[in-house]
Amino acid sequence: MTIEVLDPSYGDETREFSLAGRPASLADATVGFVSNGKQGTGRFFDALERELIDSFGIGSVVREVKTNYSAPADPEIMDRAKEWNALVSGIGD
């Protein structure tokens, strides 16, 4: 019997990364929500946005939807993300 092990990573290239630093405060911050586009994501992000506004005083939310739900975020989204203070990525099955 042969066992085949599959690599679940996306694409052939690999890049090193490090976690982004945490902002000192979310007051008046711009928070980006990146969705996979599935149905349940919208309701979750609606509730999260309300909580972030009420509890942390965020200034605004920017919502983006990936073009491929199973792939990393599009380069254009990642370019826009550089303008945000924080990013939340979510799925909505």
C-alpha atoms as a PDB file:
ATOM      1  CA  MET A   1       0.000   0.000   0.000  1.00  0.00           C
ATOM      2  CA  THR A   2       1.326   3.433  -0.948  1.00  0.00           C
ATOM      3  CA  ILE A   3       0.460   6.580   0.967  1.00  0.00           C
ATOM      4  CA  GLU A   4       0.624   9.853  -0.932  1.00  0.00           C
ATOM      5  CA  VAL A   5       1.199  12.973   1.140  1.00  0.00           C
ATOM      6  CA  LEU A   6      -0.167  16.180  -0.383  1.00  0.00           C
ATOM      7  CA  ASP A   7       1.152  19.667   0.273  1.00  0.00           C
ATOM      8  CA  PRO A   8      -1.856  21.944   0.966  1.00  0.00           C
ATOM      9  CA  SER A   9       0.056  25.191   0.474  1.00  0.00           C
ATOM     10  CA  TYR A  10      -0.972  27.566  -2.295  1.00  0.00           C
ATOM     11  CA  GLY A  11       1.406  28.115  -5.196  1.00  0.00           C
ATOM     12  CA  ASP A  12       5.048  27.214  -5.571  1.00  0.00           C
ATOM     13  CA  GLU A  13       6.705  30.211  -3.996  1.00  0.00           C
ATOM     14  CA  THR A  14       7.260  30.525  -0.281  1.00  0.00           C
ATOM     15  CA  ARG A  15       8.003  33.714   1.581  1.00  0.00           C
ATOM     16  CA  GLU A  16       9.145  34.316   5.090  1.00  0.00           C
ATOM     17  CA  PHE A  17       6.865  36.472   7.179  1.00  0.00           C
ATOM     18  CA  SER A  18       6.505  37.852  10.638  1.00  0.00           C
ATOM     19  CA  LEU A  19       3.450  38.870  12.569  1.00  0.00           C
ATOM     20  CA  ALA A  20       2.467  42.517  12.364  1.00  0.00           C
ATOM     21  CA  GLY A  21       2.850  44.617  15.475  1.00  0.00           C
ATOM     22  CA  ARG A  22      -0.227  45.391  17.519  1.00  0.00           C
ATOM     23  CA  PRO A  23      -1.479  48.978  17.542  1.00  0.00           C
ATOM     24  CA  ALA A  24      -1.365  50.699  20.910  1.00  0.00           C
ATOM     25  CA  SER A  25      -5.032  51.662  20.527  1.00  0.00           C
ATOM     26  CA  LEU A  26      -7.900  51.152  18.087  1.00  0.00           C
ATOM     27  CA  ALA A  27      -9.416  54.560  18.829  1.00  0.00           C
ATOM     28  CA  ASP A  28     -10.113  56.286  15.483  1.00  0.00           C
ATOM     29  CA  ALA A  29      -8.305  53.442  13.685  1.00  0.00           C
ATOM     30  CA  THR A  30      -9.177  52.117  10.240  1.00  0.00           C
ATOM     31  CA  VAL A  31      -9.806  48.379  10.373  1.00  0.00           C
ATOM     32  CA  GLY A  32      -9.974  46.286   7.223  1.00  0.00           C
ATOM     33  CA  PHE A  33     -12.185  43.218   6.991  1.00  0.00           C
ATOM     34  CA  VAL A  34     -11.143  40.737   4.314  1.00  0.00           C
ATOM     35  CA  SER A  35     -13.814  38.176   3.510  1.00  0.00           C
ATOM     36  CA  ASN A  36     -13.705  34.957   1.543  1.00  0.00           C
ATOM     37  CA  GLY A  37     -17.091  35.951   0.111  1.00  0.00           C
ATOM     38  CA  LYS A  38     -19.103  33.132   1.622  1.00  0.00           C
ATOM     39  CA  GLN A  39     -22.573  33.793   2.972  1.00  0.00           C
ATOM     40  CA  GLY A  40     -21.927  33.739   6.729  1.00  0.00           C
ATOM     41  CA  THR A  41     -19.084  36.246   6.689  1.00  0.00           C
ATOM     42  CA  GLY A  42     -21.258  39.338   6.272  1.00  0.00           C
ATOM     43  CA  ARG A  43     -23.335  38.821   9.409  1.00  0.00           C
ATOM     44  CA  PHE A  44     -20.232  38.057  11.458  1.00  0.00           C
ATOM     45  CA  PHE A  45     -18.449  41.175  10.212  1.00  0.00           C
ATOM     46  CA  ASP A  46     -21.566  43.309  10.862  1.00  0.00           C
ATOM     47  CA  ALA A  47     -21.547  42.209  14.510  1.00  0.00           C
ATOM     48  CA  LEU A  48     -17.780  42.589  14.830  1.00  0.00           C
ATOM     49  CA  GLU A  49     -17.871  46.105  13.362  1.00  0.00           C
ATOM     50  CA  ARG A  50     -20.539  47.167  15.868  1.00  0.00           C
ATOM     51  CA  GLU A  51     -18.500  45.686  18.746  1.00  0.00           C
ATOM     52  CA  LEU A  52     -15.276  47.400  17.625  1.00  0.00           C
ATOM     53  CA  ILE A  53     -17.054  50.747  17.344  1.00  0.00           C
ATOM     54  CA  ASP A  54     -18.838  50.423  20.688  1.00  0.00           C
ATOM     55  CA  SER A  55     -15.982  48.922  22.714  1.00  0.00           C
ATOM     56  CA  PHE A  56     -12.851  50.331  21.090  1.00  0.00           C
ATOM     57  CA  GLY A  57     -13.962  53.494  19.271  1.00  0.00           C
ATOM     58  CA  ILE A  58     -12.625  52.539  15.855  1.00  0.00           C
ATOM     59  CA  GLY A  59     -12.972  55.235  13.245  1.00  0.00           C
ATOM     60  CA  SER A  60     -13.878  53.267  10.135  1.00  0.00           C
ATOM     61  CA  VAL A  61     -14.106  49.828   8.583  1.00  0.00           C
ATOM     62  CA  VAL A  62     -13.055  48.943   5.044  1.00  0.00           C
ATOM     63  CA  ARG A  63     -14.494  45.720   3.629  1.00  0.00           C
ATOM     64  CA  GLU A  64     -12.850  43.699   0.890  1.00  0.00           C
ATOM     65  CA  VAL A  65     -13.828  40.368  -0.680  1.00  0.00           C
ATOM     66  CA  LYS A  66     -11.238  38.025  -2.147  1.00  0.00           C
ATOM     67  CA  THR A  67     -11.802  36.920  -5.737  1.00  0.00           C
ATOM     68  CA  ASN A  68     -10.990  33.303  -4.847  1.00  0.00           C
ATOM     69  CA  TYR A  69     -12.307  32.082  -1.518  1.00  0.00           C
ATOM     70  CA  SER A  70      -9.626  29.416  -1.089  1.00  0.00           C
ATOM     71  CA  ALA A  71      -6.556  31.432  -2.157  1.00  0.00           C
ATOM     72  CA  PRO A  72      -4.607  34.151  -0.369  1.00  0.00           C
ATOM     73  CA  ALA A  73      -5.920  37.707  -0.627  1.00  0.00           C
ATOM     74  CA  ASP A  74      -5.411  39.418  -3.968  1.00  0.00           C
ATOM     75  CA  PRO A  75      -2.311  41.626  -4.307  1.00  0.00           C
ATOM     76  CA  GLU A  76      -4.557  44.686  -4.748  1.00  0.00           C
ATOM     77  CA  ILE A  77      -6.226  43.994  -1.412  1.00  0.00           C
ATOM     78  CA  MET A  78      -2.864  43.595   0.285  1.00  0.00           C
ATOM     79  CA  ASP A  79      -1.694  46.895  -1.212  1.00  0.00           C
ATOM     80  CA  ARG A  80      -4.765  48.681   0.191  1.00  0.00           C
ATOM     81  CA  ALA A  81      -4.233  46.949   3.540  1.00  0.00           C
ATOM     82  CA  LYS A  82      -1.038  48.948   4.032  1.00  0.00           C
ATOM     83  CA  GLU A  83      -3.278  51.960   4.735  1.00  0.00           C
ATOM     84  CA  TRP A  84      -5.200  50.215   7.545  1.00  0.00           C
ATOM     85  CA  ASN A  85      -4.285  50.107  11.225  1.00  0.00           C
ATOM     86  CA  ALA A  86      -5.551  46.537  11.653  1.00  0.00           C
ATOM     87  CA  LEU A  87      -6.907  43.714   9.504  1.00  0.00           C
ATOM     88  CA  VAL A  88      -9.400  40.954  10.248  1.00  0.00           C
ATOM     89  CA  SER A  89      -9.646  38.033   7.856  1.00  0.00           C
ATOM     90  CA  GLY A  90     -12.701  35.811   8.089  1.00  0.00           C
ATOM     91  CA  ILE A  91     -14.482  32.888   6.585  1.00  0.00           C
ATOM     92  CA  GLY A  92     -18.200  32.330   6.505  1.00  0.00           C
ATOM     93  CA  ASP A  93     -19.295  28.818   5.761  1.00  0.00           C
END
